[in-house]
Amino acid sequence: MFEDKKIRDLLSDEEKVEDLIRKYYSDIYKYCFFHLGNKEAAQDITQEVFLKFLKSLDTYREYGKLKNYLYVVAKHTIKDFFRKRYEITEEIEAEISCDGGLDNVPLQIDIWREIQKLDSLDKELIILRYYQELKVKDIAQIVNLPTSTVGYKIKRIEKLLKLRLEEMKYER
């Protein structure tokens, strides 16, 4: 595992750099995509995240999992991207996975639309927890909040989303 060794030692070998990128690329890409809703933008931002990481190796200090650090870099890179006033597309609806078959696609789209209405921190917590499948303690490290606060906020957001989805069901 990459976290168990010194990152700089690993990155002295080009093949190991490729392994590191291969290991984390998909997770960072999905994270970016869920925030941006656009394939090309997510790919660009993901590449930028890894470039920033590689450029910052001289100052990088291991304080936790490398994957969590990459999420933090991605979060900041996405914020920079939004500051440039990029227009978001509706492409996200076509990309939502249908783990439970086609019957779940409308529900997943409704859920995603409700997530988009959340404030930025709540949206971040839900994406990290349910779309990136991170543990609460890792999310707490990424968003720089106490673990108990993150757990509480996630439960509160779950209740809010459930309530909103139930209201939508009765409106139809």
N, C-alpha and C. Protein backbone atom coordinates (compact mmCIF):
# COMPACT_ATOMS: atom_id res chain seq x y z
N MET A 1 0.84 -1.18 0.00
CA MET A 1 0.00 0.00 0.00
C MET A 1 0.88 1.23 0.00
N PHE A 2 0.48 2.28 -0.74
CA PHE A 2 1.31 3.46 -0.89
C PHE A 2 1.52 4.20 0.41
N GLU A 3 0.49 4.21 1.28
CA GLU A 3 0.60 4.97 2.52
C GLU A 3 1.65 4.38 3.47
N ASP A 4 1.99 3.14 3.29
CA ASP A 4 2.92 2.49 4.19
C ASP A 4 4.38 2.82 3.89
N LYS A 5 4.64 3.45 2.78
CA LYS A 5 6.02 3.77 2.39
C LYS A 5 6.15 5.26 2.18
N LYS A 6 7.39 5.71 2.16
CA LYS A 6 7.64 7.11 1.86
C LYS A 6 7.28 7.38 0.41
N ILE A 7 6.43 8.35 0.18
CA ILE A 7 5.94 8.67 -1.16
C ILE A 7 7.09 9.05 -2.09
N ARG A 8 7.99 9.86 -1.63
CA ARG A 8 9.10 10.30 -2.50
C ARG A 8 9.93 9.12 -2.98
N ASP A 9 10.13 8.13 -2.11
CA ASP A 9 10.88 6.94 -2.52
C ASP A 9 10.14 6.20 -3.63
N LEU A 10 8.84 6.09 -3.49
CA LEU A 10 8.03 5.42 -4.50
C LEU A 10 8.10 6.14 -5.84
N LEU A 11 8.07 7.46 -5.77
CA LEU A 11 7.98 8.24 -6.99
C LEU A 11 9.32 8.42 -7.69
N SER A 12 10.37 7.88 -7.14
CA SER A 12 11.66 7.93 -7.83
C SER A 12 11.66 6.99 -9.03
N ASP A 13 10.72 6.09 -9.08
CA ASP A 13 10.61 5.13 -10.17
C ASP A 13 9.36 5.47 -11.00
N GLU A 14 9.57 5.73 -12.30
CA GLU A 14 8.47 6.13 -13.18
C GLU A 14 7.34 5.10 -13.20
N GLU A 15 7.67 3.83 -13.15
CA GLU A 15 6.66 2.77 -13.15
C GLU A 15 5.80 2.85 -11.89
N LYS A 16 6.42 3.17 -10.77
CA LYS A 16 5.66 3.29 -9.53
C LYS A 16 4.74 4.51 -9.54
N VAL A 17 5.18 5.56 -10.23
CA VAL A 17 4.33 6.74 -10.38
C VAL A 17 3.08 6.36 -11.16
N GLU A 18 3.27 5.61 -12.23
CA GLU A 18 2.13 5.16 -13.03
C GLU A 18 1.20 4.28 -12.20
N ASP A 19 1.75 3.42 -11.36
CA ASP A 19 0.94 2.57 -10.49
C ASP A 19 0.11 3.42 -9.52
N LEU A 20 0.74 4.43 -8.94
CA LEU A 20 0.05 5.31 -8.01
C LEU A 20 -1.11 6.02 -8.70
N ILE A 21 -0.85 6.55 -9.88
CA ILE A 21 -1.91 7.25 -10.63
C ILE A 21 -3.02 6.27 -11.00
N ARG A 22 -2.64 5.09 -11.46
CA ARG A 22 -3.63 4.08 -11.84
C ARG A 22 -4.50 3.70 -10.63
N LYS A 23 -3.87 3.62 -9.47
CA LYS A 23 -4.60 3.20 -8.28
C LYS A 23 -5.66 4.21 -7.87
N TYR A 24 -5.36 5.50 -7.97
CA TYR A 24 -6.25 6.53 -7.46
C TYR A 24 -7.01 7.31 -8.53
N TYR A 25 -6.66 7.14 -9.77
CA TYR A 25 -7.25 7.96 -10.84
C TYR A 25 -8.78 7.85 -10.88
N SER A 26 -9.29 6.64 -10.87
CA SER A 26 -10.73 6.43 -11.00
C SER A 26 -11.50 7.11 -9.86
N ASP A 27 -11.03 6.96 -8.64
CA ASP A 27 -11.72 7.58 -7.50
C ASP A 27 -11.71 9.11 -7.60
N ILE A 28 -10.57 9.67 -7.95
CA ILE A 28 -10.47 11.12 -8.05
C ILE A 28 -11.31 11.63 -9.24
N TYR A 29 -11.29 10.88 -10.34
CA TYR A 29 -12.12 11.26 -11.49
C TYR A 29 -13.60 11.28 -11.13
N LYS A 30 -14.08 10.21 -10.47
CA LYS A 30 -15.50 10.15 -10.09
C LYS A 30 -15.85 11.33 -9.18
N TYR A 31 -14.99 11.61 -8.23
CA TYR A 31 -15.20 12.72 -7.31
C TYR A 31 -15.35 14.02 -8.10
N CYS A 32 -14.44 14.25 -9.03
CA CYS A 32 -14.49 15.47 -9.85
C CYS A 32 -15.75 15.49 -10.70
N PHE A 33 -16.09 14.35 -11.28
CA PHE A 33 -17.27 14.29 -12.13
C PHE A 33 -18.54 14.61 -11.36
N PHE A 34 -18.66 14.08 -10.16
CA PHE A 34 -19.86 14.34 -9.37
C PHE A 34 -19.98 15.81 -9.01
N HIS A 35 -18.86 16.49 -8.92
CA HIS A 35 -18.91 17.93 -8.64
C HIS A 35 -19.13 18.76 -9.89
N LEU A 36 -18.62 18.30 -11.01
CA LEU A 36 -18.65 19.11 -12.23
C LEU A 36 -19.76 18.74 -13.20
N GLY A 37 -20.13 17.46 -13.25
CA GLY A 37 -21.18 17.02 -14.16
C GLY A 37 -20.78 17.03 -15.62
N ASN A 38 -19.49 17.00 -15.90
CA ASN A 38 -18.99 17.07 -17.26
C ASN A 38 -17.75 16.19 -17.39
N LYS A 39 -17.78 15.24 -18.33
CA LYS A 39 -16.67 14.28 -18.48
C LYS A 39 -15.34 14.97 -18.75
N GLU A 40 -15.34 15.84 -19.76
CA GLU A 40 -14.08 16.47 -20.17
C GLU A 40 -13.49 17.33 -19.05
N ALA A 41 -14.34 18.09 -18.40
CA ALA A 41 -13.86 18.93 -17.29
C ALA A 41 -13.33 18.06 -16.16
N ALA A 42 -14.02 16.96 -15.86
CA ALA A 42 -13.58 16.06 -14.79
C ALA A 42 -12.23 15.44 -15.13
N GLN A 43 -12.05 15.06 -16.39
CA GLN A 43 -10.77 14.49 -16.81
C GLN A 43 -9.65 15.53 -16.67
N ASP A 44 -9.94 16.75 -17.11
CA ASP A 44 -8.94 17.83 -17.02
C ASP A 44 -8.56 18.10 -15.57
N ILE A 45 -9.56 18.21 -14.72
CA ILE A 45 -9.31 18.50 -13.31
C ILE A 45 -8.55 17.34 -12.66
N THR A 46 -8.92 16.12 -12.99
CA THR A 46 -8.24 14.95 -12.42
C THR A 46 -6.77 14.96 -12.80
N GLN A 47 -6.49 15.24 -14.05
CA GLN A 47 -5.09 15.32 -14.48
C GLN A 47 -4.36 16.44 -13.76
N GLU A 48 -5.05 17.55 -13.59
CA GLU A 48 -4.45 18.69 -12.88
C GLU A 48 -4.14 18.33 -11.42
N VAL A 49 -5.02 17.55 -10.80
CA VAL A 49 -4.79 17.12 -9.41
C VAL A 49 -3.49 16.33 -9.31
N PHE A 50 -3.30 15.38 -10.21
CA PHE A 50 -2.08 14.57 -10.16
C PHE A 50 -0.85 15.38 -10.52
N LEU A 51 -0.98 16.32 -11.45
CA LEU A 51 0.15 17.20 -11.76
C LEU A 51 0.53 18.06 -10.56
N LYS A 52 -0.49 18.61 -9.89
CA LYS A 52 -0.22 19.42 -8.70
C LYS A 52 0.47 18.59 -7.62
N PHE A 53 0.00 17.36 -7.45
CA PHE A 53 0.61 16.49 -6.46
C PHE A 53 2.08 16.22 -6.80
N LEU A 54 2.33 15.87 -8.05
CA LEU A 54 3.71 15.57 -8.45
C LEU A 54 4.62 16.79 -8.33
N LYS A 55 4.07 17.97 -8.63
CA LYS A 55 4.86 19.21 -8.51
C LYS A 55 5.13 19.58 -7.06
N SER A 56 4.25 19.15 -6.16
CA SER A 56 4.39 19.54 -4.76
C SER A 56 5.12 18.49 -3.92
N LEU A 57 5.74 17.52 -4.54
CA LEU A 57 6.40 16.45 -3.78
C LEU A 57 7.46 16.96 -2.82
N ASP A 58 8.15 18.02 -3.20
CA ASP A 58 9.20 18.55 -2.31
C ASP A 58 8.64 19.06 -0.99
N THR A 59 7.39 19.53 -1.02
CA THR A 59 6.80 20.08 0.20
C THR A 59 5.78 19.14 0.84
N TYR A 60 5.46 18.05 0.15
CA TYR A 60 4.45 17.11 0.67
C TYR A 60 4.95 16.43 1.94
N ARG A 61 4.09 16.41 2.95
CA ARG A 61 4.38 15.71 4.20
C ARG A 61 3.25 14.74 4.46
N GLU A 62 3.59 13.53 4.83
CA GLU A 62 2.56 12.52 5.09
C GLU A 62 1.93 12.75 6.46
N TYR A 63 0.66 13.13 6.44
CA TYR A 63 -0.10 13.31 7.68
C TYR A 63 -1.22 12.29 7.78
N GLY A 64 -1.46 11.58 6.73
CA GLY A 64 -2.54 10.61 6.69
C GLY A 64 -2.47 9.87 5.37
N LYS A 65 -3.60 9.39 4.94
CA LYS A 65 -3.66 8.64 3.69
C LYS A 65 -3.43 9.55 2.48
N LEU A 66 -2.67 9.06 1.55
CA LEU A 66 -2.41 9.80 0.32
C LEU A 66 -3.72 10.07 -0.42
N LYS A 67 -4.61 9.10 -0.44
CA LYS A 67 -5.90 9.26 -1.13
C LYS A 67 -6.67 10.45 -0.57
N ASN A 68 -6.66 10.61 0.74
CA ASN A 68 -7.35 11.75 1.36
C ASN A 68 -6.71 13.07 0.92
N TYR A 69 -5.39 13.06 0.84
CA TYR A 69 -4.67 14.27 0.39
C TYR A 69 -5.09 14.61 -1.04
N LEU A 70 -5.20 13.59 -1.89
CA LEU A 70 -5.60 13.82 -3.28
C LEU A 70 -7.02 14.39 -3.35
N TYR A 71 -7.91 13.92 -2.47
CA TYR A 71 -9.27 14.48 -2.42
C TYR A 71 -9.23 15.96 -2.04
N VAL A 72 -8.37 16.32 -1.11
CA VAL A 72 -8.26 17.72 -0.70
C VAL A 72 -7.74 18.56 -1.87
N VAL A 73 -6.73 18.06 -2.57
CA VAL A 73 -6.20 18.77 -3.75
C VAL A 73 -7.32 18.91 -4.79
N ALA A 74 -8.08 17.83 -5.00
CA ALA A 74 -9.18 17.87 -5.97
C ALA A 74 -10.23 18.90 -5.56
N LYS A 75 -10.57 18.93 -4.27
CA LYS A 75 -11.57 19.88 -3.78
C LYS A 75 -11.13 21.32 -4.08
N HIS A 76 -9.88 21.63 -3.81
CA HIS A 76 -9.37 22.98 -4.05
C HIS A 76 -9.28 23.29 -5.54
N THR A 77 -8.93 22.31 -6.32
CA THR A 77 -8.83 22.50 -7.77
C THR A 77 -10.22 22.74 -8.36
N ILE A 78 -11.21 22.04 -7.87
CA ILE A 78 -12.59 22.23 -8.34
C ILE A 78 -13.08 23.63 -7.94
N LYS A 79 -12.76 24.06 -6.73
CA LYS A 79 -13.16 25.42 -6.31
C LYS A 79 -12.53 26.46 -7.24
N ASP A 80 -11.26 26.27 -7.58
CA ASP A 80 -10.60 27.19 -8.52
C ASP A 80 -11.31 27.17 -9.87
N PHE A 81 -11.68 26.00 -10.30
CA PHE A 81 -12.37 25.83 -11.57
C PHE A 81 -13.69 26.61 -11.56
N PHE A 82 -14.46 26.50 -10.47
CA PHE A 82 -15.73 27.22 -10.39
C PHE A 82 -15.52 28.73 -10.33
N ARG A 83 -14.44 29.14 -9.74
CA ARG A 83 -14.15 30.58 -9.68
C ARG A 83 -13.97 31.15 -11.08
N LYS A 84 -13.59 30.30 -12.01
CA LYS A 84 -13.41 30.75 -13.40
C LYS A 84 -14.74 30.82 -14.13
N ARG A 85 -15.85 30.60 -13.40
CA ARG A 85 -17.20 30.75 -13.90
C ARG A 85 -17.53 29.81 -15.06
N TYR A 86 -17.13 28.55 -14.90
CA TYR A 86 -17.41 27.53 -15.92
C TYR A 86 -18.88 27.14 -15.86
N GLU A 87 -19.50 26.96 -16.99
CA GLU A 87 -20.91 26.58 -17.04
C GLU A 87 -21.04 25.06 -16.90
N ILE A 88 -21.87 24.61 -15.93
CA ILE A 88 -22.06 23.19 -15.66
C ILE A 88 -23.14 22.64 -16.58
N THR A 89 -22.95 21.41 -17.05
CA THR A 89 -23.94 20.80 -17.93
C THR A 89 -24.81 19.80 -17.15
N GLU A 90 -25.83 19.31 -17.80
CA GLU A 90 -26.72 18.31 -17.21
C GLU A 90 -26.25 16.89 -17.51
N GLU A 91 -25.02 16.74 -17.98
CA GLU A 91 -24.50 15.43 -18.38
C GLU A 91 -24.52 14.41 -17.25
N ILE A 92 -24.58 14.88 -16.02
CA ILE A 92 -24.53 13.98 -14.86
C ILE A 92 -25.64 12.92 -14.93
N GLU A 93 -26.81 13.29 -15.41
CA GLU A 93 -27.92 12.34 -15.45
C GLU A 93 -27.60 11.12 -16.29
N ALA A 94 -26.86 11.30 -17.37
CA ALA A 94 -26.51 10.18 -18.24
C ALA A 94 -25.44 9.30 -17.63
N GLU A 95 -24.69 9.83 -16.68
CA GLU A 95 -23.57 9.10 -16.11
C GLU A 95 -23.89 8.34 -14.83
N ILE A 96 -25.06 8.58 -14.26
CA ILE A 96 -25.40 7.93 -12.99
C ILE A 96 -25.45 6.43 -13.22
N SER A 97 -24.77 5.69 -12.37
CA SER A 97 -24.74 4.24 -12.54
C SER A 97 -26.07 3.65 -12.14
N CYS A 98 -26.42 2.55 -12.76
CA CYS A 98 -27.69 1.90 -12.42
C CYS A 98 -27.40 0.52 -11.87
N ASP A 99 -26.90 0.50 -10.65
CA ASP A 99 -26.53 -0.75 -9.99
C ASP A 99 -27.72 -1.69 -9.85
N GLY A 100 -28.90 -1.13 -9.64
CA GLY A 100 -30.07 -1.96 -9.40
C GLY A 100 -30.92 -2.15 -10.64
N GLY A 101 -30.40 -1.84 -11.81
CA GLY A 101 -31.16 -2.00 -13.04
C GLY A 101 -31.79 -0.69 -13.48
N LEU A 102 -32.45 -0.74 -14.61
CA LEU A 102 -33.02 0.47 -15.20
C LEU A 102 -34.14 1.07 -14.35
N ASP A 103 -34.81 0.26 -13.55
CA ASP A 103 -35.90 0.78 -12.73
C ASP A 103 -35.42 1.83 -11.73
N ASN A 104 -34.15 1.78 -11.34
CA ASN A 104 -33.64 2.71 -10.34
C ASN A 104 -33.14 4.03 -10.92
N VAL A 105 -33.02 4.14 -12.23
CA VAL A 105 -32.46 5.34 -12.83
C VAL A 105 -33.27 6.59 -12.46
N PRO A 106 -34.60 6.60 -12.59
CA PRO A 106 -35.34 7.81 -12.20
C PRO A 106 -35.12 8.20 -10.73
N LEU A 107 -35.09 7.22 -9.85
CA LEU A 107 -34.84 7.51 -8.44
C LEU A 107 -33.45 8.10 -8.25
N GLN A 108 -32.45 7.52 -8.92
CA GLN A 108 -31.09 8.03 -8.80
C GLN A 108 -30.98 9.45 -9.31
N ILE A 109 -31.70 9.75 -10.38
CA ILE A 109 -31.70 11.11 -10.92
C ILE A 109 -32.35 12.07 -9.93
N ASP A 110 -33.47 11.65 -9.33
CA ASP A 110 -34.13 12.48 -8.32
C ASP A 110 -33.19 12.73 -7.13
N ILE A 111 -32.53 11.69 -6.69
CA ILE A 111 -31.58 11.83 -5.58
C ILE A 111 -30.49 12.82 -5.95
N TRP A 112 -29.93 12.65 -7.15
CA TRP A 112 -28.84 13.54 -7.57
C TRP A 112 -29.31 14.99 -7.66
N ARG A 113 -30.50 15.21 -8.15
CA ARG A 113 -31.03 16.58 -8.22
C ARG A 113 -31.19 17.18 -6.83
N GLU A 114 -31.63 16.38 -5.88
CA GLU A 114 -31.77 16.88 -4.51
C GLU A 114 -30.39 17.16 -3.89
N ILE A 115 -29.42 16.34 -4.20
CA ILE A 115 -28.06 16.58 -3.70
C ILE A 115 -27.53 17.90 -4.24
N GLN A 116 -27.84 18.20 -5.48
CA GLN A 116 -27.38 19.46 -6.09
C GLN A 116 -27.93 20.68 -5.37
N LYS A 117 -29.06 20.54 -4.70
CA LYS A 117 -29.68 21.65 -3.98
C LYS A 117 -29.06 21.90 -2.61
N LEU A 118 -28.23 20.97 -2.14
CA LEU A 118 -27.60 21.11 -0.82
C LEU A 118 -26.54 22.19 -0.85
N ASP A 119 -26.22 22.72 0.33
CA ASP A 119 -25.11 23.68 0.38
C ASP A 119 -23.81 22.92 0.10
N SER A 120 -22.76 23.64 -0.17
CA SER A 120 -21.52 23.00 -0.66
C SER A 120 -20.93 21.99 0.31
N LEU A 121 -20.93 22.26 1.61
CA LEU A 121 -20.37 21.30 2.57
C LEU A 121 -21.22 20.03 2.63
N ASP A 122 -22.54 20.19 2.70
CA ASP A 122 -23.41 19.02 2.76
C ASP A 122 -23.26 18.17 1.50
N LYS A 123 -23.20 18.82 0.36
CA LYS A 123 -23.01 18.11 -0.91
C LYS A 123 -21.68 17.35 -0.88
N GLU A 124 -20.65 18.00 -0.40
CA GLU A 124 -19.33 17.38 -0.30
C GLU A 124 -19.37 16.13 0.57
N LEU A 125 -20.03 16.23 1.72
CA LEU A 125 -20.11 15.10 2.64
C LEU A 125 -20.83 13.91 2.01
N ILE A 126 -21.93 14.17 1.31
CA ILE A 126 -22.70 13.09 0.69
C ILE A 126 -21.92 12.45 -0.46
N ILE A 127 -21.26 13.27 -1.26
CA ILE A 127 -20.46 12.72 -2.36
C ILE A 127 -19.33 11.84 -1.82
N LEU A 128 -18.64 12.33 -0.81
CA LEU A 128 -17.53 11.54 -0.25
C LEU A 128 -18.03 10.25 0.41
N ARG A 129 -19.16 10.32 1.09
CA ARG A 129 -19.66 9.15 1.82
C ARG A 129 -20.29 8.11 0.90
N TYR A 130 -21.17 8.54 0.01
CA TYR A 130 -21.96 7.58 -0.76
C TYR A 130 -21.49 7.35 -2.18
N TYR A 131 -20.86 8.33 -2.78
CA TYR A 131 -20.39 8.14 -4.15
C TYR A 131 -18.92 7.74 -4.19
N GLN A 132 -18.17 8.14 -3.18
CA GLN A 132 -16.76 7.74 -3.08
C GLN A 132 -16.57 6.63 -2.04
N GLU A 133 -17.60 6.36 -1.27
CA GLU A 133 -17.62 5.29 -0.27
C GLU A 133 -16.47 5.38 0.75
N LEU A 134 -16.22 6.61 1.22
CA LEU A 134 -15.19 6.82 2.22
C LEU A 134 -15.76 6.66 3.62
N LYS A 135 -14.90 6.32 4.55
CA LYS A 135 -15.29 6.21 5.95
C LYS A 135 -15.42 7.62 6.53
N VAL A 136 -16.23 7.73 7.57
CA VAL A 136 -16.48 9.02 8.20
C VAL A 136 -15.16 9.65 8.69
N LYS A 137 -14.28 8.84 9.24
CA LYS A 137 -13.01 9.40 9.75
C LYS A 137 -12.16 9.97 8.61
N ASP A 138 -12.20 9.34 7.44
CA ASP A 138 -11.45 9.87 6.29
C ASP A 138 -12.09 11.15 5.78
N ILE A 139 -13.41 11.19 5.76
CA ILE A 139 -14.12 12.40 5.34
C ILE A 139 -13.79 13.55 6.28
N ALA A 140 -13.77 13.26 7.57
CA ALA A 140 -13.46 14.28 8.57
C ALA A 140 -12.08 14.88 8.31
N GLN A 141 -11.13 14.03 7.94
CA GLN A 141 -9.79 14.52 7.64
C GLN A 141 -9.80 15.40 6.39
N ILE A 142 -10.56 15.01 5.38
CA ILE A 142 -10.61 15.76 4.13
C ILE A 142 -11.25 17.13 4.32
N VAL A 143 -12.36 17.19 5.06
CA VAL A 143 -13.08 18.46 5.23
C VAL A 143 -12.63 19.23 6.47
N ASN A 144 -11.70 18.65 7.20
CA ASN A 144 -11.11 19.31 8.38
C ASN A 144 -12.17 19.64 9.44
N LEU A 145 -12.97 18.62 9.77
CA LEU A 145 -13.97 18.73 10.83
C LEU A 145 -13.82 17.52 11.75
N PRO A 146 -14.30 17.64 12.99
CA PRO A 146 -14.26 16.47 13.89
C PRO A 146 -15.12 15.33 13.33
N THR A 147 -14.69 14.11 13.59
CA THR A 147 -15.40 12.93 13.11
C THR A 147 -16.85 12.92 13.58
N SER A 148 -17.08 13.29 14.83
CA SER A 148 -18.44 13.29 15.37
C SER A 148 -19.33 14.29 14.63
N THR A 149 -18.78 15.44 14.27
CA THR A 149 -19.52 16.45 13.54
C THR A 149 -19.90 15.93 12.16
N VAL A 150 -18.94 15.30 11.50
CA VAL A 150 -19.20 14.76 10.16
C VAL A 150 -20.28 13.69 10.23
N GLY A 151 -20.19 12.78 11.19
CA GLY A 151 -21.20 11.74 11.35
C GLY A 151 -22.58 12.33 11.59
N TYR A 152 -22.66 13.32 12.46
CA TYR A 152 -23.92 13.99 12.75
C TYR A 152 -24.49 14.65 11.50
N LYS A 153 -23.65 15.39 10.78
CA LYS A 153 -24.10 16.10 9.58
C LYS A 153 -24.60 15.13 8.51
N ILE A 154 -23.91 14.01 8.33
CA ILE A 154 -24.33 13.03 7.33
C ILE A 154 -25.70 12.47 7.68
N LYS A 155 -25.91 12.14 8.95
CA LYS A 155 -27.23 11.62 9.38
C LYS A 155 -28.32 12.67 9.15
N ARG A 156 -28.03 13.93 9.45
CA ARG A 156 -28.99 15.00 9.26
C ARG A 156 -29.32 15.17 7.77
N ILE A 157 -28.32 15.11 6.92
CA ILE A 157 -28.53 15.25 5.47
C ILE A 157 -29.34 14.07 4.94
N GLU A 158 -29.04 12.86 5.43
CA GLU A 158 -29.80 11.67 5.00
C GLU A 158 -31.28 11.86 5.31
N LYS A 159 -31.60 12.34 6.51
CA LYS A 159 -33.00 12.56 6.89
C LYS A 159 -33.65 13.61 5.99
N LEU A 160 -32.91 14.67 5.71
CA LEU A 160 -33.43 15.74 4.85
C LEU A 160 -33.71 15.21 3.44
N LEU A 161 -32.76 14.45 2.88
CA LEU A 161 -32.95 13.90 1.54
C LEU A 161 -34.12 12.92 1.50
N LYS A 162 -34.23 12.10 2.53
CA LYS A 162 -35.33 11.14 2.59
C LYS A 162 -36.67 11.87 2.62
N LEU A 163 -36.75 12.92 3.42
CA LEU A 163 -37.98 13.72 3.51
C LEU A 163 -38.31 14.35 2.16
N ARG A 164 -37.33 14.94 1.51
CA ARG A 164 -37.56 15.57 0.21
C ARG A 164 -38.02 14.54 -0.83
N LEU A 165 -37.41 13.36 -0.83
CA LEU A 165 -37.79 12.33 -1.79
C LEU A 165 -39.21 11.82 -1.53
N GLU A 166 -39.57 11.69 -0.26
CA GLU A 166 -40.94 11.27 0.08
C GLU A 166 -41.94 12.32 -0.39
N GLU A 167 -41.61 13.59 -0.22
CA GLU A 167 -42.49 14.66 -0.68
C GLU A 167 -42.65 14.62 -2.19
N MET A 168 -41.58 14.34 -2.90
CA MET A 168 -41.63 14.23 -4.36
C MET A 168 -42.53 13.10 -4.80
N LYS A 169 -42.47 11.99 -4.07
CA LYS A 169 -43.27 10.80 -4.39
C LYS A 169 -44.76 11.12 -4.32
N TYR A 170 -45.16 11.90 -3.31
CA TYR A 170 -46.57 12.23 -3.14
C TYR A 170 -47.04 13.28 -4.14
N GLU A 171 -46.11 14.09 -4.64
CA GLU A 171 -46.47 15.12 -5.61
C GLU A 171 -46.74 14.53 -6.99
N ARG A 172 -46.21 13.37 -7.28
CA ARG A 172 -46.34 12.76 -8.61
C ARG A 172 -47.66 12.13 -8.81
